[in-house]
All heavy atoms as atom14 arrays in JSON, in Angstrom:
{
  "sequence": "VFLDAIESSGANVVMDDLDEGTKPYWSDVGADGDPLHRLAERYLTGI",
  "atom14_mask": [
    [1, 1, 1, 1, 1, 1, 1, 0, 0, 0, 0, 0, 0, 0],
    [1, 1, 1, 1, 1, 1, 1, 1, 1, 1, 1, 0, 0, 0],
    [1, 1, 1, 1, 1, 1, 1, 1, 0, 0, 0, 0, 0, 0],
    [1, 1, 1, 1, 1, 1, 1, 1, 0, 0, 0, 0, 0, 0],
    [1, 1, 1, 1, 1, 0, 0, 0, 0, 0, 0, 0, 0, 0],
    [1, 1, 1, 1, 1, 1, 1, 1, 0, 0, 0, 0, 0, 0],
    [1, 1, 1, 1, 1, 1, 1, 1, 1, 0, 0, 0, 0, 0],
    [1, 1, 1, 1, 1, 1, 0, 0, 0, 0, 0, 0, 0, 0],
    [1, 1, 1, 1, 1, 1, 0, 0, 0, 0, 0, 0, 0, 0],
    [1, 1, 1, 1, 0, 0, 0, 0, 0, 0, 0, 0, 0, 0],
    [1, 1, 1, 1, 1, 0, 0, 0, 0, 0, 0, 0, 0, 0],
    [1, 1, 1, 1, 1, 1, 1, 1, 0, 0, 0, 0, 0, 0],
    [1, 1, 1, 1, 1, 1, 1, 0, 0, 0, 0, 0, 0, 0],
    [1, 1, 1, 1, 1, 1, 1, 0, 0, 0, 0, 0, 0, 0],
    [1, 1, 1, 1, 1, 1, 1, 1, 0, 0, 0, 0, 0, 0],
    [1, 1, 1, 1, 1, 1, 1, 1, 0, 0, 0, 0, 0, 0],
    [1, 1, 1, 1, 1, 1, 1, 1, 0, 0, 0, 0, 0, 0],
    [1, 1, 1, 1, 1, 1, 1, 1, 0, 0, 0, 0, 0, 0],
    [1, 1, 1, 1, 1, 1, 1, 1, 0, 0, 0, 0, 0, 0],
    [1, 1, 1, 1, 1, 1, 1, 1, 1, 0, 0, 0, 0, 0],
    [1, 1, 1, 1, 0, 0, 0, 0, 0, 0, 0, 0, 0, 0],
    [1, 1, 1, 1, 1, 1, 1, 0, 0, 0, 0, 0, 0, 0],
    [1, 1, 1, 1, 1, 1, 1, 1, 1, 0, 0, 0, 0, 0],
    [1, 1, 1, 1, 1, 1, 1, 0, 0, 0, 0, 0, 0, 0],
    [1, 1, 1, 1, 1, 1, 1, 1, 1, 1, 1, 1, 0, 0],
    [1, 1, 1, 1, 1, 1, 1, 1, 1, 1, 1, 1, 1, 1],
    [1, 1, 1, 1, 1, 1, 0, 0, 0, 0, 0, 0, 0, 0],
    [1, 1, 1, 1, 1, 1, 1, 1, 0, 0, 0, 0, 0, 0],
    [1, 1, 1, 1, 1, 1, 1, 0, 0, 0, 0, 0, 0, 0],
    [1, 1, 1, 1, 0, 0, 0, 0, 0, 0, 0, 0, 0, 0],
    [1, 1, 1, 1, 1, 0, 0, 0, 0, 0, 0, 0, 0, 0],
    [1, 1, 1, 1, 1, 1, 1, 1, 0, 0, 0, 0, 0, 0],
    [1, 1, 1, 1, 0, 0, 0, 0, 0, 0, 0, 0, 0, 0],
    [1, 1, 1, 1, 1, 1, 1, 1, 0, 0, 0, 0, 0, 0],
    [1, 1, 1, 1, 1, 1, 1, 0, 0, 0, 0, 0, 0, 0],
    [1, 1, 1, 1, 1, 1, 1, 1, 0, 0, 0, 0, 0, 0],
    [1, 1, 1, 1, 1, 1, 1, 1, 1, 1, 0, 0, 0, 0],
    [1, 1, 1, 1, 1, 1, 1, 1, 1, 1, 1, 0, 0, 0],
    [1, 1, 1, 1, 1, 1, 1, 1, 0, 0, 0, 0, 0, 0],
    [1, 1, 1, 1, 1, 0, 0, 0, 0, 0, 0, 0, 0, 0],
    [1, 1, 1, 1, 1, 1, 1, 1, 1, 0, 0, 0, 0, 0],
    [1, 1, 1, 1, 1, 1, 1, 1, 1, 1, 1, 0, 0, 0],
    [1, 1, 1, 1, 1, 1, 1, 1, 1, 1, 1, 1, 0, 0],
    [1, 1, 1, 1, 1, 1, 1, 1, 0, 0, 0, 0, 0, 0],
    [1, 1, 1, 1, 1, 1, 1, 0, 0, 0, 0, 0, 0, 0],
    [1, 1, 1, 1, 0, 0, 0, 0, 0, 0, 0, 0, 0, 0],
    [1, 1, 1, 1, 1, 1, 1, 1, 0, 0, 0, 0, 0, 0]
  ],
  "atom14_positions": [
    [[-141.94, -98.02, 45.91], [-141.15, -97.79, 47.06], [-140.12, -98.93, 47.31], [-139.02, -98.71, 47.96], [-142.0, -97.59, 48.25], [-142.85, -96.41, 48.23], [-142.82, -98.93, 48.73], [0.0, 0.0, 0.0], [0.0, 0.0, 0.0], [0.0, 0.0, 0.0], [0.0, 0.0, 0.0], [0.0, 0.0, 0.0], [0.0, 0.0, 0.0], [0.0, 0.0, 0.0]],
    [[-140.41, -100.09, 46.85], [-139.5, -101.26, 47.01], [-138.15, -100.95, 46.22], [-137.14, -101.22, 46.69], [-140.02, -102.57, 46.45], [-141.25, -103.05, 47.33], [-142.49, -103.08, 46.88], [-140.92, -103.6, 48.58], [-143.49, -103.6, 47.64], [-141.96, -104.1, 49.32], [-143.19, -104.13, 48.91], [0.0, 0.0, 0.0], [0.0, 0.0, 0.0], [0.0, 0.0, 0.0]],
    [[-138.28, -100.42, 45.06], [-137.12, -100.06, 44.23], [-136.5, -98.81, 44.7], [-135.19, -98.65, 44.67], [-137.49, -100.04, 42.84], [-138.07, -101.27, 42.1], [-138.16, -101.16, 40.65], [-137.13, -102.48, 42.47], [0.0, 0.0, 0.0], [0.0, 0.0, 0.0], [0.0, 0.0, 0.0], [0.0, 0.0, 0.0], [0.0, 0.0, 0.0], [0.0, 0.0, 0.0]],
    [[-137.24, -97.93, 45.33], [-136.65, -96.75, 45.95], [-135.68, -97.17, 47.05], [-134.6, -96.55, 47.17], [-137.84, -95.88, 46.56], [-138.17, -94.74, 45.62], [-137.48, -94.44, 44.71], [-139.23, -94.1, 45.95], [0.0, 0.0, 0.0], [0.0, 0.0, 0.0], [0.0, 0.0, 0.0], [0.0, 0.0, 0.0], [0.0, 0.0, 0.0], [0.0, 0.0, 0.0]],
    [[-136.06, -98.16, 47.8], [-135.22, -98.66, 48.82], [-133.87, -99.01, 48.46], [-132.84, -98.86, 48.93], [-135.89, -99.8, 49.67], [0.0, 0.0, 0.0], [0.0, 0.0, 0.0], [0.0, 0.0, 0.0], [0.0, 0.0, 0.0], [0.0, 0.0, 0.0], [0.0, 0.0, 0.0], [0.0, 0.0, 0.0], [0.0, 0.0, 0.0], [0.0, 0.0, 0.0]],
    [[-133.88, -99.73, 47.27], [-132.59, -100.26, 46.76], [-131.75, -99.07, 46.1], [-130.64, -98.92, 46.33], [-132.92, -101.19, 45.56], [-133.5, -102.42, 46.18], [-131.6, -101.62, 44.94], [-134.01, -103.41, 45.24], [0.0, 0.0, 0.0], [0.0, 0.0, 0.0], [0.0, 0.0, 0.0], [0.0, 0.0, 0.0], [0.0, 0.0, 0.0], [0.0, 0.0, 0.0]],
    [[-132.5, -98.15, 45.31], [-131.77, -97.09, 44.63], [-131.23, -96.05, 45.57], [-130.26, -95.41, 45.28], [-132.72, -96.55, 43.55], [-132.94, -97.59, 42.41], [-133.7, -96.99, 41.21], [-134.68, -96.34, 41.47], [-133.37, -97.34, 40.11], [0.0, 0.0, 0.0], [0.0, 0.0, 0.0], [0.0, 0.0, 0.0], [0.0, 0.0, 0.0], [0.0, 0.0, 0.0]],
    [[-131.94, -95.84, 46.67], [-131.5, -94.89, 47.61], [-130.32, -95.39, 48.41], [-129.7, -94.59, 49.22], [-132.59, -94.47, 48.55], [-133.03, -95.54, 49.38], [0.0, 0.0, 0.0], [0.0, 0.0, 0.0], [0.0, 0.0, 0.0], [0.0, 0.0, 0.0], [0.0, 0.0, 0.0], [0.0, 0.0, 0.0], [0.0, 0.0, 0.0], [0.0, 0.0, 0.0]],
    [[-130.02, -96.66, 48.33], [-128.91, -97.23, 49.07], [-127.53, -97.2, 48.3], [-126.57, -97.81, 48.8], [-129.2, -98.61, 49.61], [-129.32, -99.5, 48.48], [0.0, 0.0, 0.0], [0.0, 0.0, 0.0], [0.0, 0.0, 0.0], [0.0, 0.0, 0.0], [0.0, 0.0, 0.0], [0.0, 0.0, 0.0], [0.0, 0.0, 0.0], [0.0, 0.0, 0.0]],
    [[-127.64, -96.67, 47.17], [-126.38, -96.57, 46.37], [-126.26, -97.48, 45.16], [-125.14, -97.92, 44.71], [0.0, 0.0, 0.0], [0.0, 0.0, 0.0], [0.0, 0.0, 0.0], [0.0, 0.0, 0.0], [0.0, 0.0, 0.0], [0.0, 0.0, 0.0], [0.0, 0.0, 0.0], [0.0, 0.0, 0.0], [0.0, 0.0, 0.0], [0.0, 0.0, 0.0]],
    [[-127.36, -97.91, 44.66], [-127.32, -98.89, 43.4], [-128.31, -98.26, 42.37], [-129.27, -97.56, 42.67], [-127.78, -100.13, 43.82], [0.0, 0.0, 0.0], [0.0, 0.0, 0.0], [0.0, 0.0, 0.0], [0.0, 0.0, 0.0], [0.0, 0.0, 0.0], [0.0, 0.0, 0.0], [0.0, 0.0, 0.0], [0.0, 0.0, 0.0], [0.0, 0.0, 0.0]],
    [[-128.05, -98.66, 41.15], [-129.06, -98.35, 40.01], [-129.66, -99.82, 39.73], [-129.03, -100.68, 39.42], [-128.26, -97.79, 38.8], [-127.98, -96.37, 39.05], [-128.85, -95.58, 39.44], [-126.84, -95.9, 38.7], [0.0, 0.0, 0.0], [0.0, 0.0, 0.0], [0.0, 0.0, 0.0], [0.0, 0.0, 0.0], [0.0, 0.0, 0.0], [0.0, 0.0, 0.0]],
    [[-131.04, -99.76, 39.66], [-131.7, -100.95, 39.27], [-131.83, -100.82, 37.66], [-132.55, -100.1, 37.13], [-133.11, -101.05, 39.82], [-133.89, -102.29, 39.27], [-133.0, -101.14, 41.33], [0.0, 0.0, 0.0], [0.0, 0.0, 0.0], [0.0, 0.0, 0.0], [0.0, 0.0, 0.0], [0.0, 0.0, 0.0], [0.0, 0.0, 0.0], [0.0, 0.0, 0.0]],
    [[-131.01, -101.66, 36.95], [-130.95, -101.64, 35.63], [-131.53, -102.76, 34.87], [-131.79, -102.7, 33.58], [-129.48, -101.49, 35.07], [-128.77, -100.24, 35.67], [-128.63, -102.66, 35.52], [0.0, 0.0, 0.0], [0.0, 0.0, 0.0], [0.0, 0.0, 0.0], [0.0, 0.0, 0.0], [0.0, 0.0, 0.0], [0.0, 0.0, 0.0], [0.0, 0.0, 0.0]],
    [[-131.94, -103.75, 35.67], [-132.67, -104.92, 35.06], [-133.45, -105.53, 36.11], [-133.25, -105.43, 37.33], [-131.66, -105.9, 34.42], [-132.2, -106.95, 33.5], [-133.21, -106.14, 32.14], [-133.79, -107.59, 31.27], [0.0, 0.0, 0.0], [0.0, 0.0, 0.0], [0.0, 0.0, 0.0], [0.0, 0.0, 0.0], [0.0, 0.0, 0.0], [0.0, 0.0, 0.0]],
    [[-134.46, -106.28, 35.73], [-135.28, -107.14, 36.72], [-135.84, -108.4, 36.05], [-135.82, -108.51, 34.79], [-136.45, -106.2, 37.2], [-137.48, -105.94, 36.18], [-138.12, -106.76, 35.69], [-137.6, -104.71, 35.7], [0.0, 0.0, 0.0], [0.0, 0.0, 0.0], [0.0, 0.0, 0.0], [0.0, 0.0, 0.0], [0.0, 0.0, 0.0], [0.0, 0.0, 0.0]],
    [[-136.26, -109.24, 36.86], [-136.92, -110.46, 36.49], [-138.24, -110.51, 37.39], [-138.31, -111.27, 38.36], [-136.12, -111.67, 36.7], [-136.62, -112.86, 36.12], [-137.67, -112.83, 35.34], [-136.13, -113.98, 36.34], [0.0, 0.0, 0.0], [0.0, 0.0, 0.0], [0.0, 0.0, 0.0], [0.0, 0.0, 0.0], [0.0, 0.0, 0.0], [0.0, 0.0, 0.0]],
    [[-139.24, -109.64, 37.01], [-140.44, -109.45, 37.84], [-141.65, -109.52, 37.01], [-141.67, -109.33, 35.86], [-140.31, -108.06, 38.49], [-139.1, -107.72, 39.37], [-139.14, -106.26, 39.77], [-139.18, -108.56, 40.69], [0.0, 0.0, 0.0], [0.0, 0.0, 0.0], [0.0, 0.0, 0.0], [0.0, 0.0, 0.0], [0.0, 0.0, 0.0], [0.0, 0.0, 0.0]],
    [[-142.75, -109.82, 37.75], [-144.1, -109.87, 37.1], [-144.49, -108.43, 36.59], [-145.17, -108.34, 35.54], [-145.12, -110.3, 38.03], [-145.07, -111.89, 38.19], [-144.12, -112.45, 37.8], [-146.03, -112.46, 38.73], [0.0, 0.0, 0.0], [0.0, 0.0, 0.0], [0.0, 0.0, 0.0], [0.0, 0.0, 0.0], [0.0, 0.0, 0.0], [0.0, 0.0, 0.0]],
    [[-144.07, -107.45, 37.39], [-144.39, -106.03, 36.96], [-143.06, -105.5, 36.35], [-142.54, -104.36, 36.66], [-144.85, -105.16, 38.17], [-146.32, -105.34, 38.44], [-146.59, -106.67, 39.15], [-145.7, -107.11, 39.67], [-147.75, -107.02, 39.08], [0.0, 0.0, 0.0], [0.0, 0.0, 0.0], [0.0, 0.0, 0.0], [0.0, 0.0, 0.0], [0.0, 0.0, 0.0]],
    [[-142.45, -106.27, 35.53], [-141.23, -105.81, 34.91], [-141.08, -106.58, 33.53], [-141.89, -106.64, 32.62], [0.0, 0.0, 0.0], [0.0, 0.0, 0.0], [0.0, 0.0, 0.0], [0.0, 0.0, 0.0], [0.0, 0.0, 0.0], [0.0, 0.0, 0.0], [0.0, 0.0, 0.0], [0.0, 0.0, 0.0], [0.0, 0.0, 0.0], [0.0, 0.0, 0.0]],
    [[-139.91, -107.29, 33.4], [-139.6, -107.94, 32.21], [-140.43, -109.15, 31.89], [-140.69, -109.42, 30.66], [-138.19, -108.32, 32.08], [-137.79, -109.28, 33.08], [-137.23, -107.06, 32.25], [0.0, 0.0, 0.0], [0.0, 0.0, 0.0], [0.0, 0.0, 0.0], [0.0, 0.0, 0.0], [0.0, 0.0, 0.0], [0.0, 0.0, 0.0], [0.0, 0.0, 0.0]],
    [[-140.88, -109.86, 32.86], [-141.47, -111.22, 32.61], [-142.53, -111.21, 31.57], [-142.66, -112.12, 30.69], [-141.94, -111.79, 33.93], [-140.85, -112.41, 34.8], [-141.46, -113.15, 36.05], [-140.39, -113.75, 36.88], [-140.93, -114.44, 38.08], [0.0, 0.0, 0.0], [0.0, 0.0, 0.0], [0.0, 0.0, 0.0], [0.0, 0.0, 0.0], [0.0, 0.0, 0.0]],
    [[-143.56, -110.3, 31.68], [-144.71, -110.38, 30.67], [-144.34, -109.95, 29.3], [-145.18, -110.05, 28.34], [-145.82, -109.52, 31.23], [-145.26, -109.09, 32.7], [-143.81, -109.24, 32.73], [0.0, 0.0, 0.0], [0.0, 0.0, 0.0], [0.0, 0.0, 0.0], [0.0, 0.0, 0.0], [0.0, 0.0, 0.0], [0.0, 0.0, 0.0], [0.0, 0.0, 0.0]],
    [[-143.11, -109.3, 29.12], [-142.8, -108.56, 27.93], [-141.66, -109.08, 27.11], [-141.34, -108.55, 26.06], [-142.65, -107.13, 28.19], [-143.86, -106.57, 28.89], [-143.86, -106.22, 30.28], [-144.93, -106.14, 28.18], [-144.85, -105.67, 30.94], [-146.08, -105.61, 28.87], [-145.95, -105.4, 30.31], [-147.1, -104.75, 30.92], [0.0, 0.0, 0.0], [0.0, 0.0, 0.0]],
    [[-140.95, -110.06, 27.63], [-139.69, -110.41, 27.0], [-139.81, -111.43, 25.91], [-138.76, -111.79, 25.22], [-138.6, -110.91, 28.11], [-137.31, -110.18, 27.94], [-136.05, -110.85, 27.59], [-137.08, -108.82, 28.04], [-135.1, -109.85, 27.53], [-135.73, -108.54, 27.82], [-137.82, -107.71, 28.44], [-135.06, -107.34, 27.88], [-137.26, -106.47, 28.49], [-135.89, -106.27, 28.26]],
    [[-140.85, -111.94, 25.69], [-141.01, -112.97, 24.52], [-142.37, -112.65, 23.88], [-143.32, -112.16, 24.49], [-141.16, -114.41, 25.15], [-142.27, -114.66, 25.91], [0.0, 0.0, 0.0], [0.0, 0.0, 0.0], [0.0, 0.0, 0.0], [0.0, 0.0, 0.0], [0.0, 0.0, 0.0], [0.0, 0.0, 0.0], [0.0, 0.0, 0.0], [0.0, 0.0, 0.0]],
    [[-142.46, -112.78, 22.59], [-143.57, -112.56, 21.7], [-144.32, -113.88, 21.36], [-143.86, -114.92, 21.62], [-143.16, -111.96, 20.42], [-142.54, -110.48, 20.57], [-142.82, -109.9, 21.55], [-141.81, -110.14, 19.69], [0.0, 0.0, 0.0], [0.0, 0.0, 0.0], [0.0, 0.0, 0.0], [0.0, 0.0, 0.0], [0.0, 0.0, 0.0], [0.0, 0.0, 0.0]],
    [[-145.68, -113.61, 20.92], [-146.4, -114.73, 20.47], [-145.92, -114.95, 19.03], [-145.68, -114.01, 18.26], [-147.88, -114.39, 20.5], [-148.63, -115.57, 19.83], [-148.3, -114.2, 21.96], [0.0, 0.0, 0.0], [0.0, 0.0, 0.0], [0.0, 0.0, 0.0], [0.0, 0.0, 0.0], [0.0, 0.0, 0.0], [0.0, 0.0, 0.0], [0.0, 0.0, 0.0]],
    [[-145.76, -116.19, 18.71], [-145.24, -116.6, 17.25], [-146.18, -116.04, 16.27], [-147.36, -115.78, 16.53], [0.0, 0.0, 0.0], [0.0, 0.0, 0.0], [0.0, 0.0, 0.0], [0.0, 0.0, 0.0], [0.0, 0.0, 0.0], [0.0, 0.0, 0.0], [0.0, 0.0, 0.0], [0.0, 0.0, 0.0], [0.0, 0.0, 0.0], [0.0, 0.0, 0.0]],
    [[-145.66, -115.95, 15.01], [-146.44, -115.3, 13.93], [-147.26, -116.28, 13.02], [-148.11, -115.85, 12.38], [-145.47, -114.57, 13.0], [0.0, 0.0, 0.0], [0.0, 0.0, 0.0], [0.0, 0.0, 0.0], [0.0, 0.0, 0.0], [0.0, 0.0, 0.0], [0.0, 0.0, 0.0], [0.0, 0.0, 0.0], [0.0, 0.0, 0.0], [0.0, 0.0, 0.0]],
    [[-146.93, -117.54, 13.15], [-147.55, -118.49, 12.11], [-148.26, -119.58, 12.87], [-147.93, -120.15, 13.86], [-146.42, -119.22, 11.19], [-145.67, -118.05, 10.36], [-146.43, -117.17, 9.9], [-144.5, -118.13, 10.35], [0.0, 0.0, 0.0], [0.0, 0.0, 0.0], [0.0, 0.0, 0.0], [0.0, 0.0, 0.0], [0.0, 0.0, 0.0], [0.0, 0.0, 0.0]],
    [[-149.49, -119.93, 12.21], [-150.14, -121.13, 12.66], [-151.4, -120.7, 13.53], [-151.8, -119.61, 13.44], [0.0, 0.0, 0.0], [0.0, 0.0, 0.0], [0.0, 0.0, 0.0], [0.0, 0.0, 0.0], [0.0, 0.0, 0.0], [0.0, 0.0, 0.0], [0.0, 0.0, 0.0], [0.0, 0.0, 0.0], [0.0, 0.0, 0.0], [0.0, 0.0, 0.0]],
    [[-152.02, -121.76, 14.12], [-153.21, -121.59, 14.89], [-152.99, -120.55, 16.04], [-152.07, -120.78, 16.75], [-153.63, -122.92, 15.38], [-154.74, -122.85, 16.46], [-155.74, -122.16, 16.17], [-154.57, -123.42, 17.55], [0.0, 0.0, 0.0], [0.0, 0.0, 0.0], [0.0, 0.0, 0.0], [0.0, 0.0, 0.0], [0.0, 0.0, 0.0], [0.0, 0.0, 0.0]],
    [[-153.82, -119.52, 16.08], [-153.55, -118.55, 17.16], [-153.62, -119.03, 18.55], [-152.83, -118.61, 19.42], [-154.53, -117.4, 16.8], [-155.56, -118.05, 15.93], [-154.79, -119.11, 15.24], [0.0, 0.0, 0.0], [0.0, 0.0, 0.0], [0.0, 0.0, 0.0], [0.0, 0.0, 0.0], [0.0, 0.0, 0.0], [0.0, 0.0, 0.0], [0.0, 0.0, 0.0]],
    [[-154.52, -119.86, 18.79], [-154.67, -120.46, 20.06], [-153.5, -121.34, 20.53], [-153.07, -121.24, 21.77], [-155.99, -121.24, 20.26], [-157.25, -120.47, 20.53], [-158.41, -121.38, 20.62], [-157.18, -119.55, 21.7], [0.0, 0.0, 0.0], [0.0, 0.0, 0.0], [0.0, 0.0, 0.0], [0.0, 0.0, 0.0], [0.0, 0.0, 0.0], [0.0, 0.0, 0.0]],
    [[-152.93, -121.98, 19.6], [-151.77, -122.81, 19.9], [-150.6, -121.88, 20.14], [-149.71, -122.22, 21.0], [-151.49, -123.79, 18.78], [-150.32, -124.68, 19.04], [-150.41, -125.99, 19.66], [-149.0, -124.49, 18.72], [-149.21, -126.4, 19.8], [-148.3, -125.66, 19.2], [0.0, 0.0, 0.0], [0.0, 0.0, 0.0], [0.0, 0.0, 0.0], [0.0, 0.0, 0.0]],
    [[-150.48, -120.86, 19.35], [-149.34, -119.94, 19.56], [-149.43, -119.22, 20.95], [-148.48, -119.01, 21.57], [-149.36, -118.86, 18.52], [-148.93, -119.41, 17.13], [-149.54, -118.79, 15.89], [-149.51, -117.35, 16.06], [-150.33, -116.53, 15.34], [-151.33, -117.04, 14.77], [-150.2, -115.18, 15.56], [0.0, 0.0, 0.0], [0.0, 0.0, 0.0], [0.0, 0.0, 0.0]],
    [[-150.66, -118.89, 21.22], [-150.97, -118.27, 22.58], [-150.56, -119.24, 23.73], [-149.87, -118.88, 24.67], [-152.37, -117.76, 22.78], [-152.67, -116.55, 22.06], [-154.18, -116.29, 22.11], [-152.02, -115.32, 22.55], [0.0, 0.0, 0.0], [0.0, 0.0, 0.0], [0.0, 0.0, 0.0], [0.0, 0.0, 0.0], [0.0, 0.0, 0.0], [0.0, 0.0, 0.0]],
    [[-151.04, -120.52, 23.61], [-150.69, -121.5, 24.64], [-149.3, -121.76, 24.72], [-148.65, -121.74, 25.9], [-151.46, -122.76, 24.29], [0.0, 0.0, 0.0], [0.0, 0.0, 0.0], [0.0, 0.0, 0.0], [0.0, 0.0, 0.0], [0.0, 0.0, 0.0], [0.0, 0.0, 0.0], [0.0, 0.0, 0.0], [0.0, 0.0, 0.0], [0.0, 0.0, 0.0]],
    [[-148.55, -121.73, 23.57], [-147.04, -121.97, 23.68], [-146.41, -120.83, 24.35], [-145.39, -121.05, 25.08], [-146.61, -122.17, 22.22], [-145.15, -122.61, 22.14], [-144.82, -123.04, 20.76], [-145.13, -122.29, 19.81], [-144.15, -124.07, 20.59], [0.0, 0.0, 0.0], [0.0, 0.0, 0.0], [0.0, 0.0, 0.0], [0.0, 0.0, 0.0], [0.0, 0.0, 0.0]],
    [[-146.78, -119.63, 24.0], [-146.02, -118.49, 24.54], [-146.4, -118.3, 26.0], [-145.42, -118.06, 26.81], [-146.57, -117.23, 23.84], [-145.7, -115.89, 24.14], [-146.45, -115.07, 25.21], [-145.54, -114.05, 25.71], [-145.9, -113.32, 26.79], [-147.0, -113.33, 27.3], [-144.96, -112.33, 27.1], [0.0, 0.0, 0.0], [0.0, 0.0, 0.0], [0.0, 0.0, 0.0]],
    [[-147.67, -118.34, 26.38], [-147.99, -118.06, 27.77], [-147.56, -119.25, 28.76], [-147.32, -119.04, 29.87], [-149.49, -117.9, 28.02], [-149.96, -116.42, 27.63], [-150.32, -116.16, 26.37], [-149.82, -115.42, 28.62], [-150.59, -114.76, 26.16], [-150.18, -114.08, 28.33], [-150.59, -113.75, 27.05], [-150.87, -112.45, 26.7], [0.0, 0.0, 0.0], [0.0, 0.0, 0.0]],
    [[-147.33, -120.38, 28.22], [-146.9, -121.56, 29.01], [-145.32, -121.67, 29.08], [-144.8, -121.81, 30.07], [-147.5, -122.88, 28.44], [-147.22, -124.06, 29.41], [-147.78, -123.91, 30.73], [-147.82, -125.29, 28.68], [0.0, 0.0, 0.0], [0.0, 0.0, 0.0], [0.0, 0.0, 0.0], [0.0, 0.0, 0.0], [0.0, 0.0, 0.0], [0.0, 0.0, 0.0]],
    [[-144.82, -121.48, 27.89], [-143.32, -121.66, 27.86], [-142.5, -120.4, 27.65], [-141.26, -120.39, 27.93], [-142.94, -122.61, 26.59], [-143.2, -121.88, 25.39], [-143.82, -123.86, 26.59], [0.0, 0.0, 0.0], [0.0, 0.0, 0.0], [0.0, 0.0, 0.0], [0.0, 0.0, 0.0], [0.0, 0.0, 0.0], [0.0, 0.0, 0.0], [0.0, 0.0, 0.0]],
    [[-143.04, -119.26, 27.32], [-142.38, -118.08, 26.96], [-142.28, -117.1, 28.12], [-141.61, -116.1, 28.06], [0.0, 0.0, 0.0], [0.0, 0.0, 0.0], [0.0, 0.0, 0.0], [0.0, 0.0, 0.0], [0.0, 0.0, 0.0], [0.0, 0.0, 0.0], [0.0, 0.0, 0.0], [0.0, 0.0, 0.0], [0.0, 0.0, 0.0], [0.0, 0.0, 0.0]],
    [[-142.91, -117.37, 29.27], [-142.74, -116.61, 30.46], [-141.91, -117.28, 31.55], [-142.39, -118.42, 31.93], [-144.18, -116.14, 30.99], [-144.89, -115.47, 29.88], [-144.0, -115.3, 32.24], [-146.38, -115.13, 30.42], [0.0, 0.0, 0.0], [0.0, 0.0, 0.0], [0.0, 0.0, 0.0], [0.0, 0.0, 0.0], [0.0, 0.0, 0.0], [0.0, 0.0, 0.0]]
  ]
}
């Protein structure tokens, strides 16, 4: 309903920077090396 309020006022929401949006998905965990280090790096610096 929050986005409904914006879109019903004459705008299209075409991008966001939200926890229930792009934030958890815009960076990947790296492919090489210790998996725990890669997870720590991504979850700490990639979000």
